[in-house]
Amino acid sequence: MPSIIKLNPDNFAPQEIVQNIIALEVPYVNFEGEQKVGVIEVHKDVVDDVHQFFVLSLVEKFPINKVVRSSDAPYLWRDDVLVADNTTSGFNYRFIRDTKRPSLHGLGLAFDVNTRLNPYIRFNEDGTESVDPKGAVYDPALSGVLTSEHPLVVFMKDHGWEWGGDWKKASGRTDYQHFQKVIS
């Protein structure tokens, strides 16, 4: 299992965060039906849950476009590039919008799955919606899309994870790609 965590030179993560991040090799099946192995970086306290998610994804034949580190080229910690490329990734040291507090991705306690198929939707005050990545459409009938009844979502929720697809309009967003777990 790889053990070197690359750091973002533009947003340097503190050692107390980095020391908890594990580079986890995970199996998955891509959209061509080929079994692959990718590396996802997550907090050491959620490694078992995340590994089991990927094992279950194989059992369910749930296709995953690609599993990458946010530091891999061509992403280089750029969330917009990760999302546009339909990736699955975890640790990315970044802050909660308009704060200097690390997000759960910045702590390795969140990961996103098939970002183009499971988009982030922001509900604007004027009643419009902004979809990220641009042009993405959430279609539960497609393969690789997460839904509230999907065994992967049910499994993660049963293990104490929150799924962003449950966030409703009142929260200002729905994030179908996103899983997060708050630990004590």
Protein backbone atom coordinates (compact mmCIF):
# COMPACT_ATOMS: atom_id res chain seq x y z
CA MET A 1 0.00 0.00 0.00
CA PRO A 2 1.46 3.41 -0.96
CA SER A 3 2.37 5.49 2.06
CA ILE A 4 3.60 8.81 0.71
CA ILE A 5 1.04 11.60 0.95
CA LYS A 6 1.81 14.41 -1.47
CA LEU A 7 1.08 17.88 -0.14
CA ASN A 8 -0.40 20.87 -1.87
CA PRO A 9 2.36 23.52 -1.97
CA ASP A 10 -0.27 26.27 -2.29
CA ASN A 11 -2.31 25.14 0.72
CA PHE A 12 0.00 23.23 3.03
CA ALA A 13 -1.78 20.80 5.36
CA PRO A 14 -0.63 20.79 9.00
CA GLN A 15 1.30 17.72 10.16
CA GLU A 16 -1.41 16.80 12.69
CA ILE A 17 -3.78 16.28 9.75
CA VAL A 18 -1.33 14.62 7.36
CA GLN A 19 -0.22 12.07 9.95
CA ASN A 20 -3.79 10.69 10.01
CA ILE A 21 -4.14 10.27 6.23
CA ILE A 22 -3.77 6.80 4.72
CA ALA A 23 -3.26 6.09 1.02
CA LEU A 24 -5.62 3.15 0.55
CA GLU A 25 -5.49 0.86 -2.49
CA VAL A 26 -9.04 -0.11 -3.44
CA PRO A 27 -10.50 -2.43 -6.06
CA TYR A 28 -13.24 -1.23 -8.39
CA VAL A 29 -14.81 -2.05 -11.73
CA ASN A 30 -14.81 0.61 -14.43
CA PHE A 31 -17.52 1.31 -17.02
CA GLU A 32 -15.94 -1.17 -19.42
CA GLY A 33 -16.37 -3.92 -16.82
CA GLU A 34 -12.63 -4.18 -16.11
CA GLN A 35 -11.47 -4.63 -12.54
CA LYS A 36 -8.99 -1.92 -11.57
CA VAL A 37 -7.13 -0.78 -8.48
CA GLY A 38 -6.97 2.87 -7.48
CA VAL A 39 -5.62 4.84 -4.54
CA ILE A 40 -7.89 6.98 -2.39
CA GLU A 41 -6.58 8.96 0.56
CA VAL A 42 -8.70 9.00 3.71
CA HIS A 43 -8.41 9.46 7.48
CA LYS A 44 -7.08 6.37 9.28
CA ASP A 45 -10.28 6.10 11.34
CA VAL A 46 -12.47 5.55 8.26
CA VAL A 47 -10.22 3.21 6.28
CA ASP A 48 -12.27 0.08 7.03
CA ASP A 49 -15.58 1.68 6.00
CA VAL A 50 -14.11 3.07 2.78
CA HIS A 51 -12.44 -0.22 1.89
CA GLN A 52 -15.72 -2.08 2.47
CA PHE A 53 -17.53 0.47 0.28
CA PHE A 54 -15.25 -0.47 -2.62
CA VAL A 55 -15.55 -4.20 -1.96
CA LEU A 56 -19.34 -3.84 -2.00
CA SER A 57 -19.12 -1.81 -5.21
CA LEU A 58 -17.50 -4.87 -6.83
CA VAL A 59 -20.20 -7.19 -5.50
CA GLU A 60 -22.89 -4.82 -6.77
CA LYS A 61 -21.07 -4.35 -10.11
CA PHE A 62 -21.36 -0.60 -9.50
CA PRO A 63 -19.07 1.05 -12.07
CA ILE A 64 -16.63 3.72 -10.97
CA ASN A 65 -14.99 5.85 -13.63
CA LYS A 66 -11.63 6.18 -11.84
CA VAL A 67 -10.25 6.36 -8.30
CA VAL A 68 -7.54 9.01 -7.93
CA ARG A 69 -5.60 11.04 -5.42
CA SER A 70 -6.36 14.75 -5.54
CA SER A 71 -2.61 15.32 -5.88
CA ASP A 72 -2.35 13.21 -9.07
CA ALA A 73 -1.67 14.97 -12.35
CA PRO A 74 -3.64 16.52 -13.98
CA TYR A 75 -5.72 17.36 -10.86
CA LEU A 76 -3.07 18.85 -8.57
CA TRP A 77 -5.58 19.51 -5.76
CA ARG A 78 -7.97 21.38 -8.09
CA ASP A 79 -11.47 20.33 -7.11
CA ASP A 80 -12.96 21.78 -10.30
CA VAL A 81 -10.72 19.53 -12.42
CA LEU A 82 -11.45 16.46 -10.26
CA VAL A 83 -15.20 17.03 -10.52
CA ALA A 84 -15.18 17.69 -14.27
CA ASP A 85 -13.27 14.44 -14.92
CA ASN A 86 -15.88 12.22 -13.18
CA THR A 87 -13.42 11.04 -10.54
CA THR A 88 -13.73 9.32 -7.19
CA SER A 89 -11.40 10.82 -4.58
CA GLY A 90 -11.09 11.65 -0.89
CA PHE A 91 -8.50 13.76 0.96
CA ASN A 92 -7.96 17.22 -0.51
CA TYR A 93 -6.75 19.79 1.97
CA ARG A 94 -9.15 22.68 1.49
CA PHE A 95 -11.29 24.96 3.60
CA ILE A 96 -15.02 25.27 4.16
CA ARG A 97 -16.26 28.06 1.91
CA ASP A 98 -15.64 31.55 3.36
CA THR A 99 -13.68 30.18 6.36
CA LYS A 100 -10.18 29.10 7.32
CA ARG A 101 -11.46 25.77 8.77
CA PRO A 102 -10.59 22.56 6.93
CA SER A 103 -13.52 20.86 5.21
CA LEU A 104 -14.16 17.18 5.87
CA HIS A 105 -12.30 16.50 2.60
CA GLY A 106 -9.45 18.50 4.12
CA LEU A 107 -9.45 16.10 7.08
CA GLY A 108 -9.80 12.93 4.98
CA LEU A 109 -13.30 12.30 6.34
CA ALA A 110 -15.18 12.72 3.05
CA PHE A 111 -15.03 11.26 -0.42
CA ASP A 112 -16.84 11.84 -3.70
CA VAL A 113 -17.98 9.19 -6.20
CA ASN A 114 -18.42 9.56 -9.99
CA THR A 115 -18.64 13.33 -9.73
CA ARG A 116 -20.10 14.00 -13.19
CA LEU A 117 -22.84 11.39 -12.77
CA ASN A 118 -23.59 12.43 -9.18
CA PRO A 119 -23.40 16.23 -9.38
CA TYR A 120 -23.38 18.94 -6.74
CA ILE A 121 -26.45 21.16 -7.03
CA ARG A 122 -26.62 24.57 -5.37
CA PHE A 123 -30.05 26.15 -4.93
CA ASN A 124 -29.67 29.88 -5.46
CA GLU A 125 -31.73 32.53 -3.66
CA ASP A 126 -33.31 33.58 -6.95
CA GLY A 127 -34.80 30.08 -7.38
CA THR A 128 -32.31 28.91 -9.98
CA GLU A 129 -29.97 25.94 -9.62
CA SER A 130 -26.23 25.80 -10.28
CA VAL A 131 -24.87 22.38 -11.19
CA ASP A 132 -21.25 21.36 -10.71
CA PRO A 133 -19.73 20.19 -12.94
CA LYS A 134 -21.33 22.29 -15.66
CA GLY A 135 -23.56 20.29 -17.95
CA ALA A 136 -23.96 17.37 -15.55
CA VAL A 137 -27.43 15.92 -15.11
CA TYR A 138 -28.50 13.68 -12.24
CA ASP A 139 -30.24 10.68 -13.80
CA PRO A 140 -30.91 7.84 -11.31
CA ALA A 141 -31.60 5.45 -14.21
CA LEU A 142 -27.95 5.54 -15.31
CA SER A 143 -25.31 3.09 -14.20
CA GLY A 144 -22.83 4.57 -11.69
CA VAL A 145 -25.41 6.90 -10.14
CA LEU A 146 -26.08 6.86 -6.40
CA THR A 147 -29.64 6.94 -5.04
CA SER A 148 -31.09 6.80 -1.55
CA GLU A 149 -32.03 3.12 -2.02
CA HIS A 150 -28.72 2.06 -3.55
CA PRO A 151 -26.93 -0.62 -1.47
CA LEU A 152 -23.76 1.51 -1.33
CA VAL A 153 -25.64 4.49 0.12
CA VAL A 154 -27.53 2.26 2.56
CA PHE A 155 -24.26 0.59 3.64
CA MET A 156 -22.50 3.90 4.30
CA LYS A 157 -25.45 5.36 6.20
CA ASP A 158 -25.64 2.18 8.30
CA HIS A 159 -21.98 2.80 9.19
CA GLY A 160 -22.57 6.36 10.39
CA TRP A 161 -21.85 8.24 7.17
CA GLU A 162 -23.92 11.11 5.83
CA TRP A 163 -24.80 11.12 2.12
CA GLY A 164 -25.04 14.52 0.43
CA GLY A 165 -27.93 13.25 -1.70
CA ASP A 166 -30.09 13.52 1.42
CA TRP A 167 -29.43 17.25 1.68
CA LYS A 168 -32.49 19.03 0.43
CA LYS A 169 -33.34 22.42 -1.02
CA ALA A 170 -33.68 23.97 2.47
CA SER A 171 -29.96 23.29 3.07
CA GLY A 172 -29.12 25.22 -0.08
CA ARG A 173 -27.53 22.21 -1.78
CA THR A 174 -27.73 18.56 -2.74
CA ASP A 175 -24.43 16.75 -3.23
CA TYR A 176 -25.12 13.34 -4.78
CA GLN A 177 -21.42 12.44 -5.09
CA HIS A 178 -20.51 13.12 -1.45
CA PHE A 179 -20.11 10.93 1.63
CA GLN A 180 -18.83 12.29 4.94
CA LYS A 181 -18.35 11.03 8.47
CA VAL A 182 -17.79 13.12 11.56
CA ILE A 183 -15.64 11.33 14.13
CA SER A 184 -15.05 12.26 17.75
